Amino acid sequence: MTLAEETIADLEREFAVFVRQDRAALGQLGREVHPDLPAGAYRLLVHLADRGPRRPTELACHVGVTAPTVSRRLRHLEELGLVEHLEAEDDGRAYLVALTDKGRLRVDEIQDVRGRRLGELLESWPAHDVRTLAELLARFNGGAARPSHRCRRAE
C-alpha cells in the first residue's frame, strides 16, 4: 500500500467513526427535541431552521430518502406541532414545510446543547487548530455536498 493509499484508508476509517458517532448523537438529539422523534427527523428540522420553508421534495433530497419516507416523517413532525404547511406562492398546487414557533424553539435549544458539547470536546485544542479544522471541513463539505442529479431536477 502506498503512502497516499494508506492516508486515504486512515481518513476513511476516521470518517466512519465520525459518522457513527454523529448518527448516535443525532438520535439522542432527536429524542431531546421530542421523545417520539426519530433520528432522521431531526435532520429535517435543522435543515428547515437553516434554510427556511422548503418543498418536501427538497427535504427528501437533502436527507437522502424517498418522497413517501419524507412525507411520513413530515406528517409525524406536524402531529408533534414542530412543522406546518404553507402555501407555495409560485405554485398553488404545491406547499412548503416550515418550522412552527415550537419547532424553532426546540431546534435552537438542541443546537445550543450541541454547540456546548462540541466546545467541550475542543476546549483543549489551540484556537488556530479549531479554525483550521472548520476551514478544512467547510472545504471538504463544499465539494462533497453537491446535490445529486435527481435532486437538482426537483429544485
C-alpha atoms as a PDB file:
ATOM      1  CA  MET A   1       0.000   0.000   0.000  1.00  0.00           C
ATOM      2  CA  THR A   2       1.398   3.402  -0.958  1.00  0.00           C
ATOM      3  CA  LEU A   3       1.581   6.313   1.452  1.00  0.00           C
ATOM      4  CA  ALA A   4      -1.314   8.001  -0.377  1.00  0.00           C
ATOM      5  CA  GLU A   5      -3.414   4.813  -0.183  1.00  0.00           C
ATOM      6  CA  GLU A   6      -2.550   4.422   3.487  1.00  0.00           C
ATOM      7  CA  THR A   7      -3.526   8.042   4.194  1.00  0.00           C
ATOM      8  CA  ILE A   8      -6.845   7.650   2.370  1.00  0.00           C
ATOM      9  CA  ALA A   9      -7.513   4.408   4.289  1.00  0.00           C
ATOM     10  CA  ASP A  10      -6.772   6.201   7.587  1.00  0.00           C
ATOM     11  CA  LEU A  11      -9.049   9.060   6.570  1.00  0.00           C
ATOM     12  CA  GLU A  12     -11.832   6.652   5.573  1.00  0.00           C
ATOM     13  CA  ARG A  13     -11.624   4.926   8.978  1.00  0.00           C
ATOM     14  CA  GLU A  14     -11.798   8.254  10.813  1.00  0.00           C
ATOM     15  CA  PHE A  15     -14.762   9.382   8.706  1.00  0.00           C
ATOM     16  CA  ALA A  16     -16.549   6.126   9.514  1.00  0.00           C
ATOM     17  CA  VAL A  17     -16.005   6.672  13.245  1.00  0.00           C
ATOM     18  CA  PHE A  18     -17.174  10.284  12.934  1.00  0.00           C
ATOM     19  CA  VAL A  19     -20.331   9.277  11.033  1.00  0.00           C
ATOM     20  CA  ARG A  20     -21.192   6.545  13.568  1.00  0.00           C
ATOM     21  CA  GLN A  21     -20.734   8.958  16.456  1.00  0.00           C
ATOM     22  CA  ASP A  22     -22.736  11.666  14.701  1.00  0.00           C
ATOM     23  CA  ARG A  23     -25.623   9.280  13.956  1.00  0.00           C
ATOM     24  CA  ALA A  24     -25.731   8.220  17.593  1.00  0.00           C
ATOM     25  CA  ALA A  25     -25.665  11.875  18.684  1.00  0.00           C
ATOM     26  CA  LEU A  26     -28.431  12.770  16.217  1.00  0.00           C
ATOM     27  CA  GLY A  27     -30.611  10.029  17.657  1.00  0.00           C
ATOM     28  CA  GLN A  28     -30.109  11.410  21.147  1.00  0.00           C
ATOM     29  CA  LEU A  29     -30.677  14.988  19.980  1.00  0.00           C
ATOM     30  CA  GLY A  30     -33.869  13.974  18.241  1.00  0.00           C
ATOM     31  CA  ARG A  31     -35.155  12.422  21.452  1.00  0.00           C
ATOM     32  CA  GLU A  32     -34.276  15.658  23.260  1.00  0.00           C
ATOM     33  CA  VAL A  33     -36.450  17.606  20.794  1.00  0.00           C
ATOM     34  CA  HIS A  34     -39.269  15.171  21.474  1.00  0.00           C
ATOM     35  CA  PRO A  35     -39.178  11.628  22.944  1.00  0.00           C
ATOM     36  CA  ASP A  36     -41.128  10.272  19.954  1.00  0.00           C
ATOM     37  CA  LEU A  37     -38.897  11.890  17.320  1.00  0.00           C
ATOM     38  CA  PRO A  38     -36.942   9.502  15.065  1.00  0.00           C
ATOM     39  CA  ALA A  39     -33.281  10.406  14.486  1.00  0.00           C
ATOM     40  CA  GLY A  40     -33.789  11.104  10.774  1.00  0.00           C
ATOM     41  CA  ALA A  41     -36.465  13.664  11.504  1.00  0.00           C
ATOM     42  CA  TYR A  42     -34.043  15.866  13.433  1.00  0.00           C
ATOM     43  CA  ARG A  43     -32.057  16.493  10.223  1.00  0.00           C
ATOM     44  CA  LEU A  44     -35.250  17.766   8.574  1.00  0.00           C
ATOM     45  CA  LEU A  45     -35.839  20.203  11.428  1.00  0.00           C
ATOM     46  CA  VAL A  46     -32.261  21.504  11.287  1.00  0.00           C
ATOM     47  CA  HIS A  47     -32.465  21.967   7.505  1.00  0.00           C
ATOM     48  CA  LEU A  48     -35.690  23.949   7.904  1.00  0.00           C
ATOM     49  CA  ALA A  49     -34.087  26.034  10.661  1.00  0.00           C
ATOM     50  CA  ASP A  50     -31.069  26.775   8.452  1.00  0.00           C
ATOM     51  CA  ARG A  51     -32.798  27.261   5.098  1.00  0.00           C
ATOM     52  CA  GLY A  52     -36.367  28.291   5.913  1.00  0.00           C
ATOM     53  CA  PRO A  53     -39.529  26.836   4.376  1.00  0.00           C
ATOM     54  CA  ARG A  54     -38.852  24.144   1.763  1.00  0.00           C
ATOM     55  CA  ARG A  55     -40.749  21.831  -0.537  1.00  0.00           C
ATOM     56  CA  PRO A  56     -40.946  18.230   0.620  1.00  0.00           C
ATOM     57  CA  THR A  57     -39.024  17.105  -2.492  1.00  0.00           C
ATOM     58  CA  GLU A  58     -36.045  19.249  -1.488  1.00  0.00           C
ATOM     59  CA  LEU A  59     -36.171  17.881   2.045  1.00  0.00           C
ATOM     60  CA  ALA A  60     -36.202  14.317   0.700  1.00  0.00           C
ATOM     61  CA  CYS A  61     -33.116  15.052  -1.396  1.00  0.00           C
ATOM     62  CA  HIS A  62     -31.357  16.738   1.493  1.00  0.00           C
ATOM     63  CA  VAL A  63     -31.689  13.766   3.831  1.00  0.00           C
ATOM     64  CA  GLY A  64     -31.401  11.161   1.068  1.00  0.00           C
ATOM     65  CA  VAL A  65     -34.773   9.466   1.439  1.00  0.00           C
ATOM     66  CA  THR A  66     -37.705   8.824  -0.860  1.00  0.00           C
ATOM     67  CA  ALA A  67     -40.720  11.124  -1.116  1.00  0.00           C
ATOM     68  CA  PRO A  68     -43.006   8.691   0.779  1.00  0.00           C
ATOM     69  CA  THR A  69     -40.470   8.427   3.620  1.00  0.00           C
ATOM     70  CA  VAL A  70     -40.124  12.188   3.964  1.00  0.00           C
ATOM     71  CA  SER A  71     -43.917  12.536   3.815  1.00  0.00           C
ATOM     72  CA  ARG A  72     -44.304  10.130   6.754  1.00  0.00           C
ATOM     73  CA  ARG A  73     -41.636  11.976   8.740  1.00  0.00           C
ATOM     74  CA  LEU A  74     -43.212  15.352   7.984  1.00  0.00           C
ATOM     75  CA  ARG A  75     -46.660  14.092   8.964  1.00  0.00           C
ATOM     76  CA  HIS A  76     -45.224  12.913  12.282  1.00  0.00           C
ATOM     77  CA  LEU A  77     -43.468  16.257  12.844  1.00  0.00           C
ATOM     78  CA  GLU A  78     -46.723  18.055  12.094  1.00  0.00           C
ATOM     79  CA  GLU A  79     -48.591  15.873  14.618  1.00  0.00           C
ATOM     80  CA  LEU A  80     -45.965  16.862  17.210  1.00  0.00           C
ATOM     81  CA  GLY A  81     -46.555  20.540  16.394  1.00  0.00           C
ATOM     82  CA  LEU A  82     -42.992  21.104  15.145  1.00  0.00           C
ATOM     83  CA  VAL A  83     -43.741  21.884  11.468  1.00  0.00           C
ATOM     84  CA  GLU A  84     -46.598  23.299   9.445  1.00  0.00           C
ATOM     85  CA  HIS A  85     -47.628  23.562   5.796  1.00  0.00           C
ATOM     86  CA  LEU A  86     -47.520  26.887   3.981  1.00  0.00           C
ATOM     87  CA  GLU A  87     -48.907  27.676   0.549  1.00  0.00           C
ATOM     88  CA  ALA A  88     -46.242  27.941  -2.141  1.00  0.00           C
ATOM     89  CA  GLU A  89     -46.705  31.388  -3.643  1.00  0.00           C
ATOM     90  CA  ASP A  90     -45.259  30.362  -7.015  1.00  0.00           C
ATOM     91  CA  ASP A  91     -47.463  27.264  -7.422  1.00  0.00           C
ATOM     92  CA  GLY A  92     -50.965  26.949  -5.983  1.00  0.00           C
ATOM     93  CA  ARG A  93     -50.792  23.148  -6.188  1.00  0.00           C
ATOM     94  CA  ALA A  94     -47.628  22.904  -4.085  1.00  0.00           C
ATOM     95  CA  TYR A  95     -46.862  23.584  -0.464  1.00  0.00           C
ATOM     96  CA  LEU A  96     -43.851  24.364   1.656  1.00  0.00           C
ATOM     97  CA  VAL A  97     -42.956  22.963   5.039  1.00  0.00           C
ATOM     98  CA  ALA A  98     -41.850  25.385   7.760  1.00  0.00           C
ATOM     99  CA  LEU A  99     -40.913  25.166  11.401  1.00  0.00           C
ATOM    100  CA  THR A 100     -43.545  26.280  13.864  1.00  0.00           C
ATOM    101  CA  ASP A 101     -42.515  28.539  16.733  1.00  0.00           C
ATOM    102  CA  LYS A 102     -42.380  25.433  18.920  1.00  0.00           C
ATOM    103  CA  GLY A 103     -40.194  23.656  16.347  1.00  0.00           C
ATOM    104  CA  ARG A 104     -37.820  26.640  16.080  1.00  0.00           C
ATOM    105  CA  LEU A 105     -37.531  26.855  19.873  1.00  0.00           C
ATOM    106  CA  ARG A 106     -36.738  23.143  20.222  1.00  0.00           C
ATOM    107  CA  VAL A 107     -34.129  23.205  17.428  1.00  0.00           C
ATOM    108  CA  ASP A 108     -32.487  26.319  18.905  1.00  0.00           C
ATOM    109  CA  GLU A 109     -32.310  24.662  22.326  1.00  0.00           C
ATOM    110  CA  ILE A 110     -30.774  21.484  20.938  1.00  0.00           C
ATOM    111  CA  GLN A 111     -28.276  23.370  18.765  1.00  0.00           C
ATOM    112  CA  ASP A 112     -27.162  25.281  21.857  1.00  0.00           C
ATOM    113  CA  VAL A 113     -26.595  21.972  23.663  1.00  0.00           C
ATOM    114  CA  ARG A 114     -24.763  20.517  20.667  1.00  0.00           C
ATOM    115  CA  GLY A 115     -22.561  23.623  20.407  1.00  0.00           C
ATOM    116  CA  ARG A 116     -21.645  23.415  24.075  1.00  0.00           C
ATOM    117  CA  ARG A 117     -20.787  19.707  23.728  1.00  0.00           C
ATOM    118  CA  LEU A 118     -18.582  20.405  20.726  1.00  0.00           C
ATOM    119  CA  GLY A 119     -16.929  23.258  22.614  1.00  0.00           C
ATOM    120  CA  GLU A 120     -16.158  20.892  25.479  1.00  0.00           C
ATOM    121  CA  LEU A 121     -14.619  18.352  23.097  1.00  0.00           C
ATOM    122  CA  LEU A 122     -12.397  21.024  21.554  1.00  0.00           C
ATOM    123  CA  GLU A 123     -11.591  23.123  24.623  1.00  0.00           C
ATOM    124  CA  SER A 124      -8.084  21.668  24.920  1.00  0.00           C
ATOM    125  CA  TRP A 125      -7.313  22.453  21.258  1.00  0.00           C
ATOM    126  CA  PRO A 126      -5.496  25.648  20.291  1.00  0.00           C
ATOM    127  CA  ALA A 127      -7.887  28.143  18.658  1.00  0.00           C
ATOM    128  CA  HIS A 128      -5.964  28.076  15.367  1.00  0.00           C
ATOM    129  CA  ASP A 129      -6.397  24.270  15.162  1.00  0.00           C
ATOM    130  CA  VAL A 130     -10.160  24.625  15.661  1.00  0.00           C
ATOM    131  CA  ARG A 131     -10.275  27.302  12.923  1.00  0.00           C
ATOM    132  CA  THR A 132      -8.205  25.095  10.612  1.00  0.00           C
ATOM    133  CA  LEU A 133     -10.495  22.126  11.236  1.00  0.00           C
ATOM    134  CA  ALA A 134     -13.560  24.276  10.488  1.00  0.00           C
ATOM    135  CA  GLU A 135     -11.979  25.600   7.279  1.00  0.00           C
ATOM    136  CA  LEU A 136     -10.931  22.139   6.083  1.00  0.00           C
ATOM    137  CA  LEU A 137     -14.354  20.640   6.846  1.00  0.00           C
ATOM    138  CA  ALA A 138     -16.046  23.520   5.009  1.00  0.00           C
ATOM    139  CA  ARG A 139     -13.795  22.915   2.012  1.00  0.00           C
ATOM    140  CA  PHE A 140     -14.474  19.186   2.079  1.00  0.00           C
ATOM    141  CA  ASN A 141     -18.217  19.647   2.541  1.00  0.00           C
ATOM    142  CA  GLY A 142     -18.340  22.194  -0.267  1.00  0.00           C
ATOM    143  CA  GLY A 143     -17.153  19.539  -2.687  1.00  0.00           C
ATOM    144  CA  ALA A 144     -18.988  16.594  -1.138  1.00  0.00           C
ATOM    145  CA  ALA A 145     -22.401  18.199  -0.681  1.00  0.00           C
ATOM    146  CA  ARG A 146     -23.282  18.786  -4.308  1.00  0.00           C
ATOM    147  CA  PRO A 147     -26.872  17.642  -4.874  1.00  0.00           C
ATOM    148  CA  SER A 148     -27.408  14.567  -6.974  1.00  0.00           C
ATOM    149  CA  HIS A 149     -28.839  14.868 -10.478  1.00  0.00           C
ATOM    150  CA  ARG A 150     -32.194  13.674  -9.115  1.00  0.00           C
ATOM    151  CA  CYS A 151     -32.217  16.476  -6.526  1.00  0.00           C
ATOM    152  CA  ARG A 152     -31.275  19.207  -8.995  1.00  0.00           C
ATOM    153  CA  ARG A 153     -34.336  18.335 -11.089  1.00  0.00           C
ATOM    154  CA  ALA A 154     -36.588  18.566  -8.031  1.00  0.00           C
ATOM    155  CA  GLU A 155     -35.425  22.063  -7.047  1.00  0.00           C
END
